[in-house]
Amino acid sequence: MNARIKWVENVMFVAESGTGHGIVLDGAPESGGKNMGMRPMELMALSVGSCSSYDVVTILKKARQQITSCEAEVTAQRVDATPAVFESIHLHFKVAGVELSEKQLGRAIELSADKYCSASIMLKNAGVKITHDFEIVPQQ
């Protein structure tokens, strides 16, 4: 896996993955930024949410669940010290589908948390408390 991060100005950077996708990172004005992009720690929280979401959708599809939407709300708390690492991350999944099984959904989230999601498992091994819950939402 490769990536490149190029400084633009002040505290703004452009990050490009080895697959050619890019994002802008920037700081808040009080840190010298223009608030033109995400913060690095926001990206880390998003990595956990998106990695787990990927797993949950993939596992549900393999279980032949007719999933129509999946949304993960990520709530992360950081310690009040330097470095301001995460102390906890909570993922709340909102999933819709046709006759979804609550048991299958719970199992998919559990498998992601305990076996498949590299991002959350890496942070959990570093001492971050990671929790999950879910709701099955009515189809729109």
N, C-alpha and C. Protein backbone atom coordinates (compact mmCIF):
# COMPACT_ATOMS: atom_id res chain seq x y z
N MET A 1 0.86 -1.17 0.00
CA MET A 1 0.00 0.00 0.00
C MET A 1 0.90 1.23 0.00
N ASN A 2 0.60 2.16 -0.87
CA ASN A 2 1.37 3.39 -0.98
C ASN A 2 0.45 4.59 -0.86
N ALA A 3 1.02 5.70 -0.46
CA ALA A 3 0.28 6.96 -0.42
C ALA A 3 1.28 8.11 -0.50
N ARG A 4 0.77 9.27 -0.85
CA ARG A 4 1.61 10.46 -0.90
C ARG A 4 0.81 11.61 -0.33
N ILE A 5 1.45 12.37 0.54
CA ILE A 5 0.82 13.54 1.13
C ILE A 5 1.66 14.75 0.74
N LYS A 6 1.04 15.71 0.07
CA LYS A 6 1.77 16.88 -0.41
C LYS A 6 1.26 18.12 0.30
N TRP A 7 2.19 18.87 0.85
CA TRP A 7 1.86 20.12 1.52
C TRP A 7 1.43 21.15 0.49
N VAL A 8 0.32 21.85 0.73
CA VAL A 8 -0.18 22.88 -0.17
C VAL A 8 0.20 24.26 0.37
N GLU A 9 -0.27 24.58 1.58
CA GLU A 9 0.06 25.83 2.25
C GLU A 9 -0.39 25.74 3.70
N ASN A 10 0.17 26.57 4.54
CA ASN A 10 -0.20 26.62 5.95
C ASN A 10 -0.30 25.20 6.52
N VAL A 11 -1.51 24.75 6.88
CA VAL A 11 -1.69 23.38 7.37
C VAL A 11 -2.62 22.58 6.45
N MET A 12 -2.60 22.92 5.16
CA MET A 12 -3.40 22.21 4.16
C MET A 12 -2.50 21.24 3.40
N PHE A 13 -3.02 20.03 3.20
CA PHE A 13 -2.31 18.99 2.47
C PHE A 13 -3.27 18.32 1.50
N VAL A 14 -2.73 17.73 0.46
CA VAL A 14 -3.49 16.88 -0.43
C VAL A 14 -2.88 15.49 -0.30
N ALA A 15 -3.73 14.53 0.03
CA ALA A 15 -3.29 13.14 0.17
C ALA A 15 -3.79 12.35 -1.03
N GLU A 16 -2.91 11.52 -1.58
CA GLU A 16 -3.28 10.69 -2.72
C GLU A 16 -2.90 9.25 -2.42
N SER A 17 -3.87 8.36 -2.61
CA SER A 17 -3.62 6.95 -2.37
C SER A 17 -2.88 6.33 -3.55
N GLY A 18 -2.37 5.16 -3.34
CA GLY A 18 -1.70 4.43 -4.41
C GLY A 18 -2.64 4.06 -5.53
N THR A 19 -3.94 4.08 -5.27
CA THR A 19 -4.92 3.77 -6.31
C THR A 19 -5.37 5.03 -7.06
N GLY A 20 -4.76 6.17 -6.72
CA GLY A 20 -5.02 7.39 -7.47
C GLY A 20 -6.15 8.26 -6.95
N HIS A 21 -6.67 7.99 -5.78
CA HIS A 21 -7.75 8.80 -5.22
C HIS A 21 -7.17 9.83 -4.26
N GLY A 22 -7.75 11.03 -4.27
CA GLY A 22 -7.21 12.09 -3.44
C GLY A 22 -8.23 12.75 -2.54
N ILE A 23 -7.73 13.33 -1.46
CA ILE A 23 -8.56 14.10 -0.54
C ILE A 23 -7.74 15.29 -0.03
N VAL A 24 -8.45 16.32 0.40
CA VAL A 24 -7.82 17.49 0.99
C VAL A 24 -7.93 17.38 2.51
N LEU A 25 -6.84 17.68 3.18
CA LEU A 25 -6.83 17.76 4.64
C LEU A 25 -6.45 19.18 5.00
N ASP A 26 -7.12 19.72 6.02
CA ASP A 26 -6.81 21.08 6.44
C ASP A 26 -7.18 21.24 7.91
N GLY A 27 -6.64 22.26 8.51
CA GLY A 27 -6.92 22.54 9.91
C GLY A 27 -7.94 23.64 10.08
N ALA A 28 -8.31 23.83 11.32
CA ALA A 28 -9.23 24.91 11.68
C ALA A 28 -8.49 26.24 11.60
N PRO A 29 -9.21 27.34 11.40
CA PRO A 29 -8.56 28.65 11.32
C PRO A 29 -7.67 28.97 12.54
N GLU A 30 -8.09 28.54 13.74
CA GLU A 30 -7.27 28.83 14.92
C GLU A 30 -5.97 28.03 14.92
N SER A 31 -5.86 27.06 14.02
CA SER A 31 -4.62 26.29 13.89
C SER A 31 -3.83 26.68 12.64
N GLY A 32 -4.27 27.74 11.97
CA GLY A 32 -3.59 28.18 10.77
C GLY A 32 -4.18 27.65 9.48
N GLY A 33 -5.31 26.96 9.56
CA GLY A 33 -5.94 26.41 8.36
C GLY A 33 -7.07 27.28 7.86
N LYS A 34 -7.70 26.81 6.79
CA LYS A 34 -8.85 27.50 6.20
C LYS A 34 -10.11 26.63 6.27
N ASN A 35 -10.03 25.51 6.99
CA ASN A 35 -11.15 24.59 7.12
C ASN A 35 -11.66 24.13 5.75
N MET A 36 -10.71 23.79 4.86
CA MET A 36 -11.05 23.38 3.51
C MET A 36 -11.04 21.86 3.33
N GLY A 37 -10.80 21.12 4.41
CA GLY A 37 -10.77 19.66 4.30
C GLY A 37 -10.89 19.02 5.66
N MET A 38 -10.93 17.71 5.65
CA MET A 38 -11.05 16.96 6.89
C MET A 38 -9.76 17.02 7.69
N ARG A 39 -9.90 16.73 8.98
CA ARG A 39 -8.75 16.60 9.86
C ARG A 39 -8.28 15.15 9.84
N PRO A 40 -7.00 14.92 10.11
CA PRO A 40 -6.50 13.54 10.10
C PRO A 40 -7.25 12.60 11.05
N MET A 41 -7.61 13.06 12.24
CA MET A 41 -8.31 12.19 13.17
C MET A 41 -9.75 11.92 12.72
N GLU A 42 -10.35 12.86 12.00
CA GLU A 42 -11.66 12.59 11.41
C GLU A 42 -11.55 11.45 10.40
N LEU A 43 -10.48 11.47 9.62
CA LEU A 43 -10.27 10.40 8.65
C LEU A 43 -10.11 9.05 9.33
N MET A 44 -9.43 9.05 10.49
CA MET A 44 -9.25 7.80 11.22
C MET A 44 -10.59 7.27 11.71
N ALA A 45 -11.45 8.14 12.23
CA ALA A 45 -12.78 7.72 12.67
C ALA A 45 -13.61 7.23 11.48
N LEU A 46 -13.50 7.93 10.37
CA LEU A 46 -14.21 7.51 9.16
C LEU A 46 -13.70 6.17 8.65
N SER A 47 -12.41 5.92 8.82
CA SER A 47 -11.84 4.64 8.40
C SER A 47 -12.48 3.49 9.16
N VAL A 48 -12.66 3.67 10.46
CA VAL A 48 -13.29 2.62 11.27
C VAL A 48 -14.73 2.41 10.81
N GLY A 49 -15.47 3.49 10.64
CA GLY A 49 -16.87 3.38 10.21
C GLY A 49 -17.02 2.79 8.83
N SER A 50 -16.18 3.20 7.90
CA SER A 50 -16.32 2.69 6.53
C SER A 50 -15.82 1.26 6.40
N CYS A 51 -14.76 0.91 7.11
CA CYS A 51 -14.25 -0.46 7.10
C CYS A 51 -15.31 -1.41 7.65
N SER A 52 -15.90 -1.06 8.76
CA SER A 52 -16.92 -1.91 9.37
C SER A 52 -18.18 -1.97 8.49
N SER A 53 -18.56 -0.84 7.91
CA SER A 53 -19.73 -0.82 7.02
C SER A 53 -19.52 -1.74 5.82
N TYR A 54 -18.34 -1.69 5.25
CA TYR A 54 -17.98 -2.57 4.13
C TYR A 54 -18.19 -4.03 4.53
N ASP A 55 -17.67 -4.38 5.71
CA ASP A 55 -17.82 -5.76 6.19
C ASP A 55 -19.28 -6.14 6.39
N VAL A 56 -20.03 -5.27 7.05
CA VAL A 56 -21.43 -5.57 7.37
C VAL A 56 -22.23 -5.79 6.09
N VAL A 57 -22.08 -4.91 5.11
CA VAL A 57 -22.81 -5.06 3.85
C VAL A 57 -22.40 -6.35 3.14
N THR A 58 -21.10 -6.61 3.08
CA THR A 58 -20.60 -7.81 2.40
C THR A 58 -21.10 -9.08 3.08
N ILE A 59 -21.05 -9.12 4.40
CA ILE A 59 -21.51 -10.30 5.15
C ILE A 59 -23.01 -10.50 4.97
N LEU A 60 -23.78 -9.43 5.04
CA LEU A 60 -25.23 -9.55 4.85
C LEU A 60 -25.58 -10.04 3.45
N LYS A 61 -24.86 -9.55 2.45
CA LYS A 61 -25.12 -10.01 1.08
C LYS A 61 -24.79 -11.49 0.93
N LYS A 62 -23.68 -11.93 1.54
CA LYS A 62 -23.33 -13.36 1.49
C LYS A 62 -24.36 -14.21 2.20
N ALA A 63 -25.01 -13.64 3.21
CA ALA A 63 -26.07 -14.35 3.95
C ALA A 63 -27.41 -14.24 3.23
N ARG A 64 -27.40 -13.70 2.03
CA ARG A 64 -28.59 -13.53 1.19
C ARG A 64 -29.66 -12.65 1.83
N GLN A 65 -29.20 -11.67 2.61
CA GLN A 65 -30.11 -10.69 3.17
C GLN A 65 -30.33 -9.60 2.12
N GLN A 66 -31.56 -9.19 1.95
CA GLN A 66 -31.90 -8.19 0.94
C GLN A 66 -31.75 -6.79 1.53
N ILE A 67 -30.51 -6.35 1.64
CA ILE A 67 -30.19 -5.05 2.23
C ILE A 67 -30.40 -3.96 1.18
N THR A 68 -31.04 -2.86 1.59
CA THR A 68 -31.27 -1.75 0.66
C THR A 68 -30.52 -0.49 1.07
N SER A 69 -30.14 -0.39 2.35
CA SER A 69 -29.31 0.74 2.77
C SER A 69 -28.59 0.38 4.07
N CYS A 70 -27.44 1.02 4.24
CA CYS A 70 -26.67 0.84 5.45
C CYS A 70 -25.97 2.16 5.75
N GLU A 71 -26.20 2.66 6.94
CA GLU A 71 -25.57 3.92 7.37
C GLU A 71 -24.95 3.67 8.73
N ALA A 72 -23.72 4.12 8.91
CA ALA A 72 -23.07 4.00 10.21
C ALA A 72 -22.80 5.40 10.74
N GLU A 73 -23.31 5.67 11.93
CA GLU A 73 -23.03 6.93 12.60
C GLU A 73 -21.87 6.68 13.56
N VAL A 74 -20.82 7.45 13.43
CA VAL A 74 -19.60 7.27 14.21
C VAL A 74 -19.52 8.38 15.26
N THR A 75 -19.35 7.98 16.52
CA THR A 75 -19.13 8.93 17.60
C THR A 75 -17.81 8.57 18.25
N ALA A 76 -16.86 9.50 18.20
CA ALA A 76 -15.53 9.23 18.74
C ALA A 76 -15.19 10.23 19.84
N GLN A 77 -14.60 9.74 20.90
CA GLN A 77 -14.16 10.58 22.01
C GLN A 77 -12.64 10.51 22.10
N ARG A 78 -12.02 11.68 22.28
CA ARG A 78 -10.56 11.73 22.41
C ARG A 78 -10.19 12.11 23.84
N VAL A 79 -9.01 11.68 24.26
CA VAL A 79 -8.54 12.03 25.59
C VAL A 79 -8.20 13.51 25.62
N ASP A 80 -8.24 14.10 26.79
CA ASP A 80 -7.92 15.53 26.96
C ASP A 80 -6.45 15.64 27.35
N ALA A 81 -5.58 15.29 26.43
CA ALA A 81 -4.13 15.32 26.66
C ALA A 81 -3.44 15.30 25.31
N THR A 82 -2.14 15.47 25.35
CA THR A 82 -1.35 15.38 24.12
C THR A 82 -0.50 14.12 24.21
N PRO A 83 -0.58 13.24 23.24
CA PRO A 83 -1.40 13.30 22.04
C PRO A 83 -2.87 13.00 22.36
N ALA A 84 -3.75 13.63 21.61
CA ALA A 84 -5.20 13.49 21.84
C ALA A 84 -5.72 12.28 21.08
N VAL A 85 -5.33 11.10 21.56
CA VAL A 85 -5.73 9.85 20.92
C VAL A 85 -7.19 9.54 21.24
N PHE A 86 -7.76 8.62 20.49
CA PHE A 86 -9.13 8.20 20.77
C PHE A 86 -9.14 7.36 22.05
N GLU A 87 -10.15 7.60 22.89
CA GLU A 87 -10.37 6.71 24.02
C GLU A 87 -11.53 5.77 23.73
N SER A 88 -12.48 6.23 22.89
CA SER A 88 -13.60 5.37 22.53
C SER A 88 -14.17 5.77 21.17
N ILE A 89 -14.74 4.78 20.51
CA ILE A 89 -15.44 4.99 19.24
C ILE A 89 -16.69 4.12 19.30
N HIS A 90 -17.83 4.73 18.97
CA HIS A 90 -19.09 3.98 18.94
C HIS A 90 -19.65 4.04 17.52
N LEU A 91 -20.06 2.90 17.00
CA LEU A 91 -20.69 2.81 15.69
C LEU A 91 -22.16 2.43 15.88
N HIS A 92 -23.04 3.26 15.35
CA HIS A 92 -24.47 2.96 15.38
C HIS A 92 -24.91 2.73 13.93
N PHE A 93 -25.28 1.49 13.64
CA PHE A 93 -25.69 1.12 12.29
C PHE A 93 -27.19 1.27 12.14
N LYS A 94 -27.58 1.89 11.03
CA LYS A 94 -28.99 1.98 10.63
C LYS A 94 -29.08 1.25 9.30
N VAL A 95 -29.79 0.13 9.31
CA VAL A 95 -29.82 -0.74 8.14
C VAL A 95 -31.27 -0.99 7.74
N ALA A 96 -31.52 -0.95 6.44
CA ALA A 96 -32.84 -1.23 5.90
C ALA A 96 -32.74 -2.35 4.87
N GLY A 97 -33.84 -3.05 4.70
CA GLY A 97 -33.87 -4.11 3.72
C GLY A 97 -35.22 -4.81 3.74
N VAL A 98 -35.30 -5.83 2.94
CA VAL A 98 -36.52 -6.62 2.84
C VAL A 98 -36.41 -7.81 3.79
N GLU A 99 -37.28 -7.83 4.79
CA GLU A 99 -37.31 -8.92 5.76
C GLU A 99 -35.93 -9.22 6.35
N LEU A 100 -35.23 -8.17 6.76
CA LEU A 100 -33.91 -8.35 7.36
C LEU A 100 -34.00 -9.12 8.66
N SER A 101 -33.05 -9.99 8.88
CA SER A 101 -32.97 -10.75 10.11
C SER A 101 -32.14 -9.97 11.13
N GLU A 102 -32.75 -9.69 12.28
CA GLU A 102 -32.02 -9.00 13.34
C GLU A 102 -30.82 -9.83 13.79
N LYS A 103 -31.00 -11.12 13.84
CA LYS A 103 -29.91 -12.03 14.23
C LYS A 103 -28.76 -11.96 13.22
N GLN A 104 -29.07 -11.99 11.93
CA GLN A 104 -28.02 -11.92 10.89
C GLN A 104 -27.29 -10.59 10.94
N LEU A 105 -28.03 -9.49 11.16
CA LEU A 105 -27.40 -8.18 11.23
C LEU A 105 -26.47 -8.09 12.44
N GLY A 106 -26.95 -8.55 13.58
CA GLY A 106 -26.11 -8.55 14.78
C GLY A 106 -24.85 -9.38 14.58
N ARG A 107 -25.01 -10.51 13.94
CA ARG A 107 -23.85 -11.40 13.68
C ARG A 107 -22.87 -10.74 12.71
N ALA A 108 -23.37 -10.05 11.69
CA ALA A 108 -22.50 -9.37 10.73
C ALA A 108 -21.66 -8.30 11.43
N ILE A 109 -22.29 -7.55 12.31
CA ILE A 109 -21.57 -6.50 13.04
C ILE A 109 -20.54 -7.12 13.98
N GLU A 110 -20.92 -8.20 14.63
CA GLU A 110 -20.00 -8.91 15.53
C GLU A 110 -18.79 -9.46 14.77
N LEU A 111 -19.03 -10.06 13.62
CA LEU A 111 -17.92 -10.59 12.81
C LEU A 111 -16.98 -9.48 12.35
N SER A 112 -17.56 -8.35 11.96
CA SER A 112 -16.72 -7.22 11.56
C SER A 112 -15.86 -6.78 12.73
N ALA A 113 -16.48 -6.61 13.89
CA ALA A 113 -15.77 -6.09 15.07
C ALA A 113 -14.69 -7.04 15.56
N ASP A 114 -14.95 -8.33 15.52
CA ASP A 114 -14.04 -9.30 16.13
C ASP A 114 -13.07 -9.97 15.17
N LYS A 115 -13.39 -9.94 13.86
CA LYS A 115 -12.58 -10.73 12.93
C LYS A 115 -12.10 -9.99 11.68
N TYR A 116 -12.93 -9.13 11.10
CA TYR A 116 -12.63 -8.62 9.77
C TYR A 116 -12.17 -7.17 9.67
N CYS A 117 -12.69 -6.27 10.48
CA CYS A 117 -12.39 -4.85 10.30
C CYS A 117 -11.01 -4.50 10.84
N SER A 118 -10.05 -4.44 9.95
CA SER A 118 -8.66 -4.16 10.32
C SER A 118 -8.52 -2.84 11.06
N ALA A 119 -9.25 -1.83 10.62
CA ALA A 119 -9.13 -0.50 11.23
C ALA A 119 -9.57 -0.53 12.69
N SER A 120 -10.74 -1.09 12.98
CA SER A 120 -11.22 -1.09 14.36
C SER A 120 -10.41 -2.05 15.23
N ILE A 121 -10.03 -3.19 14.69
CA ILE A 121 -9.24 -4.15 15.47
C ILE A 121 -7.87 -3.56 15.82
N MET A 122 -7.26 -2.84 14.90
CA MET A 122 -5.97 -2.20 15.16
C MET A 122 -6.10 -1.19 16.30
N LEU A 123 -7.15 -0.37 16.26
CA LEU A 123 -7.34 0.62 17.33
C LEU A 123 -7.73 -0.05 18.65
N LYS A 124 -8.55 -1.09 18.57
CA LYS A 124 -8.93 -1.82 19.78
C LYS A 124 -7.68 -2.41 20.46
N ASN A 125 -6.77 -2.94 19.65
CA ASN A 125 -5.52 -3.50 20.19
C ASN A 125 -4.63 -2.43 20.80
N ALA A 126 -4.85 -1.18 20.42
CA ALA A 126 -4.09 -0.05 20.99
C ALA A 126 -4.79 0.54 22.21
N GLY A 127 -5.89 -0.07 22.64
CA GLY A 127 -6.56 0.37 23.85
C GLY A 127 -7.79 1.22 23.67
N VAL A 128 -8.24 1.42 22.44
CA VAL A 128 -9.44 2.21 22.19
C VAL A 128 -10.66 1.32 22.44
N LYS A 129 -11.61 1.81 23.22
CA LYS A 129 -12.84 1.06 23.47
C LYS A 129 -13.76 1.27 22.27
N ILE A 130 -14.09 0.20 21.57
CA ILE A 130 -14.94 0.29 20.38
C ILE A 130 -16.22 -0.49 20.64
N THR A 131 -17.34 0.20 20.48
CA THR A 131 -18.63 -0.42 20.71
C THR A 131 -19.52 -0.25 19.47
N HIS A 132 -20.56 -1.06 19.41
CA HIS A 132 -21.48 -1.08 18.27
C HIS A 132 -22.89 -1.28 18.76
N ASP A 133 -23.84 -0.74 18.02
CA ASP A 133 -25.22 -1.14 18.16
C ASP A 133 -25.89 -0.91 16.82
N PHE A 134 -27.16 -1.27 16.72
CA PHE A 134 -27.82 -1.16 15.41
C PHE A 134 -29.31 -1.01 15.58
N GLU A 135 -29.92 -0.59 14.49
CA GLU A 135 -31.37 -0.59 14.37
C GLU A 135 -31.72 -0.94 12.94
N ILE A 136 -32.81 -1.65 12.80
CA ILE A 136 -33.35 -1.93 11.47
C ILE A 136 -34.39 -0.84 11.23
N VAL A 137 -34.18 -0.07 10.18
CA VAL A 137 -35.07 1.05 9.89
C VAL A 137 -36.06 0.67 8.81
N PRO A 138 -37.25 1.23 8.84
CA PRO A 138 -38.24 0.95 7.80
C PRO A 138 -37.72 1.40 6.43
N GLN A 139 -38.09 0.67 5.42
CA GLN A 139 -37.68 1.04 4.07
C GLN A 139 -38.37 2.31 3.64
N GLN A 140 -37.66 3.13 2.91
CA GLN A 140 -38.21 4.41 2.41
C GLN A 140 -39.10 4.18 1.22
